[in-house]
Amino acid sequence: MSSPRTAEISRNTSETQIRVAVNLDGSGKQQLDTGVPFFDHMLDQIARHGLIDLDIAAKGDLHIDAHHTVEDVGIALGQAVAKAMGDKAGIRRYGHAYVPLDESLSRVVIDFSGRPGLVFNVPFARALTGTFDLDLTREFFQGFVNHALVTLHIDNLRGDNAHHQCETVFKAFGRALRMATEHDPRAAGTIPSTKGSL
């Protein structure tokens, strides 16, 4: 059994101070404190459904709004996942998941390609859930994609409740991430690319 794939990243700017620790071979344990309760709830979905241990602490300029905090957590999480992945030898590389929640259904597909790309098609039924600006969902995933160097397609296929729509996206992301980062026992430590590197 290989050792757990772990990483810790600190990101400090004039707008945010963030620490992210991940264990890709975890059990879904989480410790989350971003100062944005709904965002913590969504990050919990990634941990639980991705079976990734997440420890995230963030202090940001929330007196302005949550934009910098949410985006920078995405950046730091992307950096941590990339670091924990190492050379990506033996991983499945691709992951996908469909997740329903009552009337909502989302699909997420991920490729640890080494190339950042985001396709985000989530027509939220309203702009806010509670006080959380749902536009920030895209900002989180864009930050993650840019720094994890993955291609990510996110589609909410249906839904009338914005909370449900957002939650299915994060749950499906966790499931797809789990699939893509898992070791493939048939791959025998090889790089899953005809190029020989990712």
N, C-alpha and C. Protein backbone atom coordinates (compact mmCIF):
# COMPACT_ATOMS: atom_id res chain seq x y z
N MET A 1 0.86 -1.19 0.00
CA MET A 1 0.00 0.00 0.00
C MET A 1 0.89 1.24 0.00
N SER A 2 0.66 2.15 -0.93
CA SER A 2 1.46 3.36 -0.99
C SER A 2 1.09 4.29 0.16
N SER A 3 2.00 5.19 0.47
CA SER A 3 1.75 6.12 1.57
C SER A 3 0.66 7.11 1.15
N PRO A 4 -0.06 7.67 2.12
CA PRO A 4 -1.13 8.62 1.80
C PRO A 4 -0.59 9.81 1.03
N ARG A 5 -1.39 10.29 0.09
CA ARG A 5 -1.01 11.46 -0.71
C ARG A 5 -1.56 12.70 -0.01
N THR A 6 -0.67 13.43 0.62
CA THR A 6 -1.06 14.58 1.42
C THR A 6 -0.30 15.82 0.96
N ALA A 7 -0.85 16.98 1.29
CA ALA A 7 -0.18 18.25 1.00
C ALA A 7 -0.79 19.32 1.87
N GLU A 8 0.01 20.34 2.13
CA GLU A 8 -0.48 21.51 2.86
C GLU A 8 0.01 22.76 2.13
N ILE A 9 -0.89 23.71 1.96
CA ILE A 9 -0.60 24.95 1.24
C ILE A 9 -1.03 26.13 2.11
N SER A 10 -0.20 27.16 2.16
CA SER A 10 -0.58 28.42 2.77
C SER A 10 -0.58 29.50 1.71
N ARG A 11 -1.61 30.30 1.71
CA ARG A 11 -1.72 31.41 0.74
C ARG A 11 -2.06 32.67 1.52
N ASN A 12 -1.16 33.64 1.48
CA ASN A 12 -1.35 34.88 2.22
C ASN A 12 -1.25 36.07 1.27
N THR A 13 -2.33 36.83 1.20
CA THR A 13 -2.35 38.05 0.39
C THR A 13 -2.89 39.19 1.25
N SER A 14 -2.98 40.36 0.66
CA SER A 14 -3.55 41.49 1.38
C SER A 14 -5.05 41.31 1.60
N GLU A 15 -5.65 40.33 0.90
CA GLU A 15 -7.09 40.12 0.99
C GLU A 15 -7.47 38.90 1.82
N THR A 16 -6.63 37.87 1.80
CA THR A 16 -6.95 36.62 2.49
C THR A 16 -5.71 35.97 3.08
N GLN A 17 -5.94 35.21 4.14
CA GLN A 17 -4.91 34.32 4.71
C GLN A 17 -5.55 32.94 4.81
N ILE A 18 -4.97 32.00 4.06
CA ILE A 18 -5.61 30.69 3.90
C ILE A 18 -4.61 29.58 4.11
N ARG A 19 -5.06 28.54 4.82
CA ARG A 19 -4.28 27.31 4.95
C ARG A 19 -5.18 26.15 4.55
N VAL A 20 -4.66 25.30 3.65
CA VAL A 20 -5.40 24.13 3.18
C VAL A 20 -4.52 22.90 3.33
N ALA A 21 -5.03 21.87 3.99
CA ALA A 21 -4.36 20.58 4.06
C ALA A 21 -5.29 19.52 3.51
N VAL A 22 -4.75 18.64 2.66
CA VAL A 22 -5.57 17.59 2.05
C VAL A 22 -4.89 16.24 2.21
N ASN A 23 -5.72 15.21 2.31
CA ASN A 23 -5.27 13.82 2.22
C ASN A 23 -6.18 13.15 1.21
N LEU A 24 -5.64 12.89 0.02
CA LEU A 24 -6.45 12.32 -1.05
C LEU A 24 -6.88 10.89 -0.75
N ASP A 25 -6.19 10.24 0.17
CA ASP A 25 -6.51 8.86 0.53
C ASP A 25 -7.15 8.80 1.91
N GLY A 26 -7.95 9.80 2.21
CA GLY A 26 -8.57 9.90 3.53
C GLY A 26 -9.90 9.19 3.61
N SER A 27 -10.70 9.61 4.58
CA SER A 27 -11.99 8.98 4.83
C SER A 27 -13.14 9.99 4.84
N GLY A 28 -12.85 11.23 4.46
CA GLY A 28 -13.89 12.25 4.42
C GLY A 28 -13.94 13.12 5.65
N LYS A 29 -12.92 13.03 6.49
CA LYS A 29 -12.89 13.91 7.67
C LYS A 29 -12.66 15.34 7.22
N GLN A 30 -13.23 16.26 7.97
CA GLN A 30 -13.06 17.66 7.59
C GLN A 30 -13.04 18.56 8.80
N GLN A 31 -12.29 19.63 8.65
CA GLN A 31 -12.29 20.74 9.61
C GLN A 31 -12.30 22.00 8.76
N LEU A 32 -13.40 22.73 8.79
CA LEU A 32 -13.62 23.82 7.84
C LEU A 32 -14.00 25.09 8.58
N ASP A 33 -13.29 26.16 8.30
CA ASP A 33 -13.59 27.45 8.91
C ASP A 33 -13.18 28.56 7.95
N THR A 34 -14.09 28.91 7.05
CA THR A 34 -13.81 29.97 6.08
C THR A 34 -14.48 31.28 6.45
N GLY A 35 -15.34 31.25 7.47
CA GLY A 35 -16.11 32.45 7.80
C GLY A 35 -17.35 32.60 6.95
N VAL A 36 -17.58 31.65 6.02
CA VAL A 36 -18.75 31.69 5.13
C VAL A 36 -19.49 30.37 5.32
N PRO A 37 -20.52 30.33 6.17
CA PRO A 37 -21.13 29.05 6.56
C PRO A 37 -21.64 28.20 5.39
N PHE A 38 -22.30 28.79 4.43
CA PHE A 38 -22.80 28.00 3.31
C PHE A 38 -21.65 27.39 2.51
N PHE A 39 -20.58 28.14 2.34
CA PHE A 39 -19.39 27.65 1.63
C PHE A 39 -18.77 26.48 2.40
N ASP A 40 -18.70 26.58 3.72
CA ASP A 40 -18.22 25.46 4.52
C ASP A 40 -19.08 24.22 4.28
N HIS A 41 -20.38 24.42 4.19
CA HIS A 41 -21.32 23.31 3.93
C HIS A 41 -21.01 22.66 2.58
N MET A 42 -20.67 23.46 1.58
CA MET A 42 -20.35 22.92 0.26
C MET A 42 -18.99 22.20 0.27
N LEU A 43 -18.01 22.76 0.95
CA LEU A 43 -16.70 22.10 1.06
C LEU A 43 -16.83 20.76 1.78
N ASP A 44 -17.74 20.69 2.74
CA ASP A 44 -18.00 19.44 3.45
C ASP A 44 -18.48 18.36 2.48
N GLN A 45 -19.24 18.76 1.47
CA GLN A 45 -19.71 17.78 0.47
C GLN A 45 -18.53 17.18 -0.30
N ILE A 46 -17.53 18.02 -0.63
CA ILE A 46 -16.34 17.53 -1.34
C ILE A 46 -15.63 16.49 -0.48
N ALA A 47 -15.44 16.81 0.79
CA ALA A 47 -14.73 15.89 1.69
C ALA A 47 -15.48 14.57 1.83
N ARG A 48 -16.76 14.66 2.16
CA ARG A 48 -17.54 13.45 2.45
C ARG A 48 -17.75 12.56 1.22
N HIS A 49 -18.05 13.19 0.10
CA HIS A 49 -18.35 12.39 -1.08
C HIS A 49 -17.09 12.05 -1.88
N GLY A 50 -16.02 12.79 -1.66
CA GLY A 50 -14.76 12.48 -2.30
C GLY A 50 -13.86 11.60 -1.46
N LEU A 51 -14.28 11.33 -0.21
CA LEU A 51 -13.44 10.61 0.76
C LEU A 51 -12.05 11.23 0.82
N ILE A 52 -12.03 12.56 0.85
CA ILE A 52 -10.81 13.34 0.97
C ILE A 52 -10.84 14.05 2.32
N ASP A 53 -9.77 13.92 3.08
CA ASP A 53 -9.68 14.67 4.33
C ASP A 53 -9.32 16.11 3.99
N LEU A 54 -10.11 17.05 4.50
CA LEU A 54 -9.89 18.46 4.24
C LEU A 54 -9.79 19.24 5.53
N ASP A 55 -8.76 20.04 5.63
CA ASP A 55 -8.60 20.97 6.75
C ASP A 55 -8.36 22.34 6.13
N ILE A 56 -9.36 23.20 6.21
CA ILE A 56 -9.29 24.50 5.56
C ILE A 56 -9.63 25.60 6.56
N ALA A 57 -8.72 26.54 6.71
CA ALA A 57 -8.95 27.71 7.56
C ALA A 57 -8.67 28.95 6.73
N ALA A 58 -9.61 29.88 6.73
CA ALA A 58 -9.46 31.09 5.92
C ALA A 58 -9.93 32.31 6.70
N LYS A 59 -9.17 33.36 6.58
CA LYS A 59 -9.58 34.67 7.08
C LYS A 59 -9.49 35.62 5.89
N GLY A 60 -10.63 36.22 5.55
CA GLY A 60 -10.67 37.09 4.38
C GLY A 60 -11.40 38.39 4.65
N ASP A 61 -11.43 39.23 3.63
CA ASP A 61 -12.06 40.55 3.76
C ASP A 61 -13.58 40.43 3.59
N LEU A 62 -14.19 39.71 4.52
CA LEU A 62 -15.63 39.47 4.44
C LEU A 62 -16.45 40.73 4.69
N HIS A 63 -15.82 41.77 5.21
CA HIS A 63 -16.53 43.04 5.38
C HIS A 63 -16.85 43.66 4.01
N ILE A 64 -16.11 43.22 2.98
CA ILE A 64 -16.41 43.65 1.61
C ILE A 64 -17.44 42.69 1.02
N ASP A 65 -17.02 41.45 0.81
CA ASP A 65 -17.92 40.35 0.47
C ASP A 65 -17.10 39.07 0.50
N ALA A 66 -17.69 37.96 0.09
CA ALA A 66 -17.01 36.66 0.21
C ALA A 66 -16.19 36.31 -1.03
N HIS A 67 -16.14 37.19 -2.00
CA HIS A 67 -15.51 36.85 -3.29
C HIS A 67 -14.07 36.39 -3.14
N HIS A 68 -13.23 37.20 -2.51
CA HIS A 68 -11.81 36.87 -2.41
C HIS A 68 -11.59 35.60 -1.60
N THR A 69 -12.38 35.42 -0.55
CA THR A 69 -12.23 34.22 0.28
C THR A 69 -12.56 32.96 -0.51
N VAL A 70 -13.69 32.96 -1.20
CA VAL A 70 -14.12 31.78 -1.94
C VAL A 70 -13.15 31.47 -3.09
N GLU A 71 -12.78 32.49 -3.84
CA GLU A 71 -11.86 32.29 -4.97
C GLU A 71 -10.50 31.79 -4.49
N ASP A 72 -9.98 32.40 -3.43
CA ASP A 72 -8.65 32.03 -2.96
C ASP A 72 -8.62 30.66 -2.30
N VAL A 73 -9.71 30.24 -1.69
CA VAL A 73 -9.79 28.86 -1.20
C VAL A 73 -9.73 27.89 -2.39
N GLY A 74 -10.42 28.23 -3.48
CA GLY A 74 -10.34 27.41 -4.68
C GLY A 74 -8.92 27.30 -5.21
N ILE A 75 -8.21 28.42 -5.23
CA ILE A 75 -6.82 28.44 -5.68
C ILE A 75 -5.96 27.55 -4.79
N ALA A 76 -6.06 27.75 -3.47
CA ALA A 76 -5.23 27.00 -2.53
C ALA A 76 -5.57 25.52 -2.55
N LEU A 77 -6.85 25.18 -2.68
CA LEU A 77 -7.24 23.78 -2.76
C LEU A 77 -6.68 23.15 -4.04
N GLY A 78 -6.74 23.87 -5.16
CA GLY A 78 -6.16 23.38 -6.39
C GLY A 78 -4.67 23.12 -6.26
N GLN A 79 -3.96 24.05 -5.62
CA GLN A 79 -2.52 23.87 -5.40
C GLN A 79 -2.24 22.66 -4.53
N ALA A 80 -3.05 22.48 -3.49
CA ALA A 80 -2.83 21.36 -2.57
C ALA A 80 -3.10 20.03 -3.26
N VAL A 81 -4.17 19.95 -4.04
CA VAL A 81 -4.48 18.71 -4.75
C VAL A 81 -3.37 18.39 -5.75
N ALA A 82 -2.91 19.39 -6.49
CA ALA A 82 -1.83 19.17 -7.46
C ALA A 82 -0.57 18.67 -6.78
N LYS A 83 -0.24 19.25 -5.64
CA LYS A 83 0.95 18.83 -4.90
C LYS A 83 0.80 17.41 -4.38
N ALA A 84 -0.38 17.09 -3.84
CA ALA A 84 -0.61 15.75 -3.29
C ALA A 84 -0.61 14.69 -4.38
N MET A 85 -1.00 15.05 -5.59
CA MET A 85 -1.06 14.09 -6.70
C MET A 85 0.32 13.66 -7.17
N GLY A 86 1.30 14.52 -7.00
CA GLY A 86 2.64 14.17 -7.47
C GLY A 86 2.68 14.02 -8.98
N ASP A 87 3.31 12.94 -9.47
CA ASP A 87 3.46 12.76 -10.93
C ASP A 87 2.24 12.09 -11.56
N LYS A 88 1.22 11.77 -10.77
CA LYS A 88 -0.04 11.19 -11.23
C LYS A 88 0.09 9.76 -11.73
N ALA A 89 1.19 9.13 -11.43
CA ALA A 89 1.38 7.74 -11.88
C ALA A 89 0.34 6.83 -11.25
N GLY A 90 -0.29 6.01 -12.09
CA GLY A 90 -1.21 4.99 -11.61
C GLY A 90 -2.61 5.46 -11.30
N ILE A 91 -2.92 6.74 -11.52
CA ILE A 91 -4.28 7.21 -11.24
C ILE A 91 -5.21 6.88 -12.40
N ARG A 92 -6.50 6.97 -12.11
CA ARG A 92 -7.48 6.74 -13.17
C ARG A 92 -7.53 7.91 -14.15
N ARG A 93 -7.18 9.09 -13.70
CA ARG A 93 -7.11 10.33 -14.47
C ARG A 93 -8.48 10.95 -14.72
N TYR A 94 -9.41 10.18 -15.21
CA TYR A 94 -10.75 10.70 -15.51
C TYR A 94 -11.73 10.31 -14.41
N GLY A 95 -12.66 11.21 -14.14
CA GLY A 95 -13.72 10.90 -13.18
C GLY A 95 -15.00 11.58 -13.60
N HIS A 96 -16.12 10.96 -13.25
CA HIS A 96 -17.41 11.56 -13.58
C HIS A 96 -18.44 11.13 -12.54
N ALA A 97 -19.46 11.95 -12.39
CA ALA A 97 -20.53 11.60 -11.45
C ALA A 97 -21.79 12.36 -11.80
N TYR A 98 -22.91 11.69 -11.63
CA TYR A 98 -24.24 12.31 -11.66
C TYR A 98 -24.76 12.25 -10.22
N VAL A 99 -25.25 13.37 -9.73
CA VAL A 99 -25.81 13.39 -8.37
C VAL A 99 -27.15 14.12 -8.38
N PRO A 100 -28.20 13.46 -7.87
CA PRO A 100 -29.49 14.12 -7.71
C PRO A 100 -29.68 14.60 -6.27
N LEU A 101 -30.51 15.59 -6.11
CA LEU A 101 -31.02 15.99 -4.80
C LEU A 101 -32.43 16.52 -5.04
N ASP A 102 -33.40 15.68 -4.70
CA ASP A 102 -34.80 16.01 -4.97
C ASP A 102 -34.97 16.35 -6.46
N GLU A 103 -35.37 17.57 -6.78
CA GLU A 103 -35.66 17.92 -8.18
C GLU A 103 -34.41 18.27 -8.98
N SER A 104 -33.27 18.41 -8.32
CA SER A 104 -32.05 18.86 -8.99
C SER A 104 -31.17 17.67 -9.39
N LEU A 105 -30.46 17.83 -10.50
CA LEU A 105 -29.54 16.81 -10.98
C LEU A 105 -28.35 17.50 -11.64
N SER A 106 -27.14 17.13 -11.21
CA SER A 106 -25.93 17.70 -11.79
C SER A 106 -24.97 16.61 -12.23
N ARG A 107 -24.18 16.96 -13.25
CA ARG A 107 -23.15 16.07 -13.78
C ARG A 107 -21.82 16.82 -13.74
N VAL A 108 -20.80 16.14 -13.24
CA VAL A 108 -19.44 16.70 -13.22
C VAL A 108 -18.49 15.68 -13.83
N VAL A 109 -17.65 16.15 -14.74
CA VAL A 109 -16.64 15.31 -15.39
C VAL A 109 -15.30 16.02 -15.26
N ILE A 110 -14.27 15.27 -14.84
CA ILE A 110 -12.95 15.86 -14.59
C ILE A 110 -11.87 15.04 -15.27
N ASP A 111 -10.84 15.74 -15.74
CA ASP A 111 -9.68 15.11 -16.37
C ASP A 111 -8.43 15.77 -15.79
N PHE A 112 -7.57 14.97 -15.15
CA PHE A 112 -6.30 15.48 -14.65
C PHE A 112 -5.31 15.54 -15.81
N SER A 113 -5.59 16.45 -16.71
CA SER A 113 -4.92 16.53 -18.01
C SER A 113 -3.61 17.30 -17.95
N GLY A 114 -3.43 18.12 -16.91
CA GLY A 114 -2.30 19.04 -16.89
C GLY A 114 -2.61 20.34 -17.60
N ARG A 115 -3.86 20.49 -18.07
CA ARG A 115 -4.29 21.70 -18.78
C ARG A 115 -5.53 22.26 -18.10
N PRO A 116 -5.50 23.53 -17.70
CA PRO A 116 -6.67 24.11 -17.04
C PRO A 116 -7.78 24.44 -18.03
N GLY A 117 -8.98 24.02 -17.72
CA GLY A 117 -10.13 24.36 -18.54
C GLY A 117 -11.41 24.13 -17.76
N LEU A 118 -12.30 25.10 -17.81
CA LEU A 118 -13.57 24.99 -17.09
C LEU A 118 -14.72 25.28 -18.03
N VAL A 119 -15.67 24.36 -18.08
CA VAL A 119 -16.97 24.60 -18.72
C VAL A 119 -18.00 24.52 -17.60
N PHE A 120 -18.69 25.62 -17.37
CA PHE A 120 -19.59 25.74 -16.21
C PHE A 120 -20.96 26.15 -16.71
N ASN A 121 -21.91 25.23 -16.63
CA ASN A 121 -23.26 25.49 -17.11
C ASN A 121 -24.24 25.19 -15.97
N VAL A 122 -24.43 26.19 -15.13
CA VAL A 122 -25.31 26.04 -13.97
C VAL A 122 -26.27 27.23 -13.93
N PRO A 123 -27.47 27.07 -14.46
CA PRO A 123 -28.45 28.16 -14.47
C PRO A 123 -29.20 28.23 -13.13
N PHE A 124 -28.56 28.86 -12.16
CA PHE A 124 -29.16 28.92 -10.82
C PHE A 124 -30.54 29.58 -10.87
N ALA A 125 -31.45 29.03 -10.09
CA ALA A 125 -32.83 29.53 -10.07
C ALA A 125 -32.93 30.91 -9.44
N ARG A 126 -31.95 31.27 -8.62
CA ARG A 126 -31.91 32.61 -8.06
C ARG A 126 -30.45 32.97 -7.78
N ALA A 127 -30.20 34.23 -7.46
CA ALA A 127 -28.82 34.72 -7.33
C ALA A 127 -28.20 34.39 -5.98
N LEU A 128 -29.02 34.22 -4.95
CA LEU A 128 -28.53 34.00 -3.60
C LEU A 128 -29.17 32.75 -3.01
N THR A 129 -28.42 32.06 -2.16
CA THR A 129 -29.02 31.10 -1.25
C THR A 129 -28.63 31.57 0.14
N GLY A 130 -29.61 31.97 0.92
CA GLY A 130 -29.31 32.70 2.15
C GLY A 130 -28.64 34.01 1.76
N THR A 131 -27.43 34.23 2.28
CA THR A 131 -26.67 35.43 1.92
C THR A 131 -25.51 35.10 0.99
N PHE A 132 -25.42 33.85 0.54
CA PHE A 132 -24.29 33.44 -0.30
C PHE A 132 -24.58 33.77 -1.76
N ASP A 133 -23.67 34.52 -2.39
CA ASP A 133 -23.77 34.89 -3.79
C ASP A 133 -23.36 33.68 -4.64
N LEU A 134 -24.32 33.12 -5.36
CA LEU A 134 -24.06 31.88 -6.11
C LEU A 134 -23.12 32.09 -7.29
N ASP A 135 -22.89 33.33 -7.71
CA ASP A 135 -21.86 33.60 -8.72
C ASP A 135 -20.48 33.12 -8.26
N LEU A 136 -20.28 33.08 -6.96
CA LEU A 136 -18.98 32.70 -6.41
C LEU A 136 -18.68 31.21 -6.62
N THR A 137 -19.70 30.43 -6.90
CA THR A 137 -19.49 29.00 -7.17
C THR A 137 -18.54 28.84 -8.36
N ARG A 138 -18.80 29.57 -9.42
CA ARG A 138 -17.93 29.50 -10.59
C ARG A 138 -16.52 30.00 -10.24
N GLU A 139 -16.42 31.06 -9.45
CA GLU A 139 -15.11 31.60 -9.08
C GLU A 139 -14.29 30.56 -8.31
N PHE A 140 -14.95 29.81 -7.43
CA PHE A 140 -14.26 28.75 -6.70
C PHE A 140 -13.69 27.71 -7.65
N PHE A 141 -14.53 27.22 -8.56
CA PHE A 141 -14.08 26.17 -9.46
C PHE A 141 -13.04 26.68 -10.47
N GLN A 142 -13.16 27.95 -10.88
CA GLN A 142 -12.15 28.50 -11.78
C GLN A 142 -10.79 28.57 -11.07
N GLY A 143 -10.78 28.99 -9.82
CA GLY A 143 -9.54 29.01 -9.06
C GLY A 143 -8.95 27.62 -8.91
N PHE A 144 -9.81 26.64 -8.62
CA PHE A 144 -9.34 25.26 -8.49
C PHE A 144 -8.74 24.76 -9.79
N VAL A 145 -9.46 24.93 -10.89
CA VAL A 145 -9.03 24.44 -12.20
C VAL A 145 -7.67 25.04 -12.59
N ASN A 146 -7.53 26.35 -12.41
CA ASN A 146 -6.31 27.03 -12.82
C ASN A 146 -5.08 26.51 -12.10
N HIS A 147 -5.25 26.03 -10.88
CA HIS A 147 -4.08 25.65 -10.07
C HIS A 147 -3.94 24.15 -9.88
N ALA A 148 -5.03 23.39 -10.05
CA ALA A 148 -4.91 21.93 -10.06
C ALA A 148 -4.54 21.44 -11.45
N LEU A 149 -4.68 22.31 -12.46
CA LEU A 149 -4.38 21.99 -13.86
C LEU A 149 -5.23 20.80 -14.33
N VAL A 150 -6.53 21.00 -14.20
CA VAL A 150 -7.48 19.98 -14.64
C VAL A 150 -8.46 20.59 -15.63
N THR A 151 -9.06 19.72 -16.43
CA THR A 151 -10.20 20.10 -17.26
C THR A 151 -11.45 19.67 -16.50
N LEU A 152 -12.40 20.58 -16.35
CA LEU A 152 -13.57 20.32 -15.52
C LEU A 152 -14.82 20.79 -16.24
N HIS A 153 -15.77 19.88 -16.42
CA HIS A 153 -17.07 20.20 -17.01
C HIS A 153 -18.13 20.03 -15.94
N ILE A 154 -18.87 21.10 -15.69
CA ILE A 154 -19.92 21.09 -14.67
C ILE A 154 -21.23 21.49 -15.32
N ASP A 155 -22.22 20.62 -15.24
CA ASP A 155 -23.54 20.89 -15.81
C ASP A 155 -24.62 20.57 -14.80
N ASN A 156 -25.44 21.57 -14.48
CA ASN A 156 -26.66 21.30 -13.74
C ASN A 156 -27.74 21.02 -14.77
N LEU A 157 -28.22 19.79 -14.79
CA LEU A 157 -29.13 19.35 -15.85
C LEU A 157 -30.57 19.77 -15.60
N ARG A 158 -30.91 19.89 -14.31
CA ARG A 158 -32.24 20.41 -13.97
C ARG A 158 -32.24 20.81 -12.51
N GLY A 159 -33.20 21.65 -12.17
CA GLY A 159 -33.33 22.07 -10.78
C GLY A 159 -34.07 23.38 -10.66
N ASP A 160 -34.88 23.47 -9.60
CA ASP A 160 -35.66 24.68 -9.33
C ASP A 160 -35.21 25.37 -8.05
N ASN A 161 -34.50 24.64 -7.20
CA ASN A 161 -34.07 25.15 -5.90
C ASN A 161 -32.57 25.41 -5.96
N ALA A 162 -32.16 26.66 -5.80
CA ALA A 162 -30.76 27.03 -5.98
C ALA A 162 -29.83 26.33 -4.99
N HIS A 163 -30.30 26.14 -3.76
CA HIS A 163 -29.50 25.41 -2.77
C HIS A 163 -29.26 23.98 -3.26
N HIS A 164 -30.30 23.33 -3.72
CA HIS A 164 -30.17 21.96 -4.24
C HIS A 164 -29.25 21.91 -5.46
N GLN A 165 -29.40 22.88 -6.36
CA GLN A 165 -28.55 22.91 -7.55
C GLN A 165 -27.07 22.99 -7.14
N CYS A 166 -26.76 23.90 -6.25
CA CYS A 166 -25.38 24.09 -5.83
C CYS A 166 -24.86 22.85 -5.10
N GLU A 167 -25.67 22.29 -4.25
CA GLU A 167 -25.24 21.12 -3.48
C GLU A 167 -24.97 19.92 -4.37
N THR A 168 -25.80 19.72 -5.40
CA THR A 168 -25.55 18.60 -6.30
C THR A 168 -24.24 18.80 -7.07
N VAL A 169 -23.92 20.04 -7.40
CA VAL A 169 -22.65 20.32 -8.08
C VAL A 169 -21.47 19.93 -7.20
N PHE A 170 -21.49 20.33 -5.94
CA PHE A 170 -20.35 20.04 -5.06
C PHE A 170 -20.26 18.56 -4.73
N LYS A 171 -21.40 17.91 -4.55
CA LYS A 171 -21.38 16.47 -4.30
C LYS A 171 -20.84 15.71 -5.52
N ALA A 172 -21.31 16.08 -6.69
CA ALA A 172 -20.83 15.41 -7.90
C ALA A 172 -19.35 15.69 -8.12
N PHE A 173 -18.91 16.90 -7.81
CA PHE A 173 -17.47 17.21 -7.92
C PHE A 173 -16.66 16.31 -7.00
N GLY A 174 -17.11 16.14 -5.76
CA GLY A 174 -16.41 15.26 -4.83
C GLY A 174 -16.32 13.84 -5.35
N ARG A 175 -17.42 13.33 -5.89
CA ARG A 175 -17.45 11.96 -6.42
C ARG A 175 -16.53 11.82 -7.64
N ALA A 176 -16.58 12.79 -8.54
CA ALA A 176 -15.73 12.74 -9.73
C ALA A 176 -14.26 12.85 -9.36
N LEU A 177 -13.96 13.72 -8.40
CA LEU A 177 -12.59 13.89 -7.94
C LEU A 177 -12.06 12.59 -7.34
N ARG A 178 -12.90 11.94 -6.55
CA ARG A 178 -12.52 10.66 -5.95
C ARG A 178 -12.17 9.63 -7.04
N MET A 179 -13.03 9.53 -8.05
CA MET A 179 -12.80 8.55 -9.11
C MET A 179 -11.49 8.85 -9.86
N ALA A 180 -11.29 10.11 -10.19
CA ALA A 180 -10.13 10.47 -11.01
C ALA A 180 -8.80 10.30 -10.27
N THR A 181 -8.80 10.55 -8.97
CA THR A 181 -7.55 10.51 -8.20
C THR A 181 -7.24 9.12 -7.68
N GLU A 182 -8.20 8.21 -7.74
CA GLU A 182 -7.96 6.85 -7.24
C GLU A 182 -6.89 6.14 -8.05
N HIS A 183 -6.14 5.28 -7.38
CA HIS A 183 -5.18 4.43 -8.08
C HIS A 183 -5.93 3.32 -8.83
N ASP A 184 -5.52 3.11 -10.06
CA ASP A 184 -6.07 2.04 -10.88
C ASP A 184 -5.17 0.82 -10.72
N PRO A 185 -5.66 -0.27 -10.11
CA PRO A 185 -4.81 -1.44 -9.87
C PRO A 185 -4.26 -2.06 -11.15
N ARG A 186 -4.89 -1.81 -12.27
CA ARG A 186 -4.41 -2.37 -13.54
C ARG A 186 -3.36 -1.48 -14.20
N ALA A 187 -3.20 -0.25 -13.70
CA ALA A 187 -2.29 0.69 -14.34
C ALA A 187 -0.83 0.50 -13.91
N ALA A 188 -0.62 -0.19 -12.81
CA ALA A 188 0.74 -0.56 -12.35
C ALA A 188 1.69 0.62 -12.31
N GLY A 189 1.21 1.77 -11.81
CA GLY A 189 2.07 2.92 -11.62
C GLY A 189 2.45 3.66 -12.89
N THR A 190 1.78 3.37 -14.00
CA THR A 190 2.10 4.06 -15.25
C THR A 190 1.37 5.39 -15.33
N ILE A 191 1.88 6.29 -16.16
CA ILE A 191 1.23 7.57 -16.39
C ILE A 191 0.10 7.36 -17.40
N PRO A 192 -1.13 7.75 -17.07
CA PRO A 192 -2.27 7.48 -17.97
C PRO A 192 -2.34 8.48 -19.13
N SER A 193 -1.31 8.46 -19.97
CA SER A 193 -1.29 9.34 -21.15
C SER A 193 -0.33 8.74 -22.17
N THR A 194 -0.68 8.83 -23.45
CA THR A 194 0.23 8.37 -24.50
C THR A 194 1.46 9.27 -24.59
N LYS A 195 1.38 10.46 -24.01
CA LYS A 195 2.53 11.37 -24.01
C LYS A 195 3.60 10.93 -23.02
N GLY A 196 3.19 10.15 -22.02
CA GLY A 196 4.13 9.72 -20.99
C GLY A 196 4.23 10.65 -19.81
N SER A 197 3.48 11.75 -19.84
CA SER A 197 3.45 12.68 -18.71
C SER A 197 2.14 13.46 -18.74
N LEU A 198 1.77 13.95 -17.57
CA LEU A 198 0.56 14.77 -17.44
C LEU A 198 0.91 16.07 -16.71
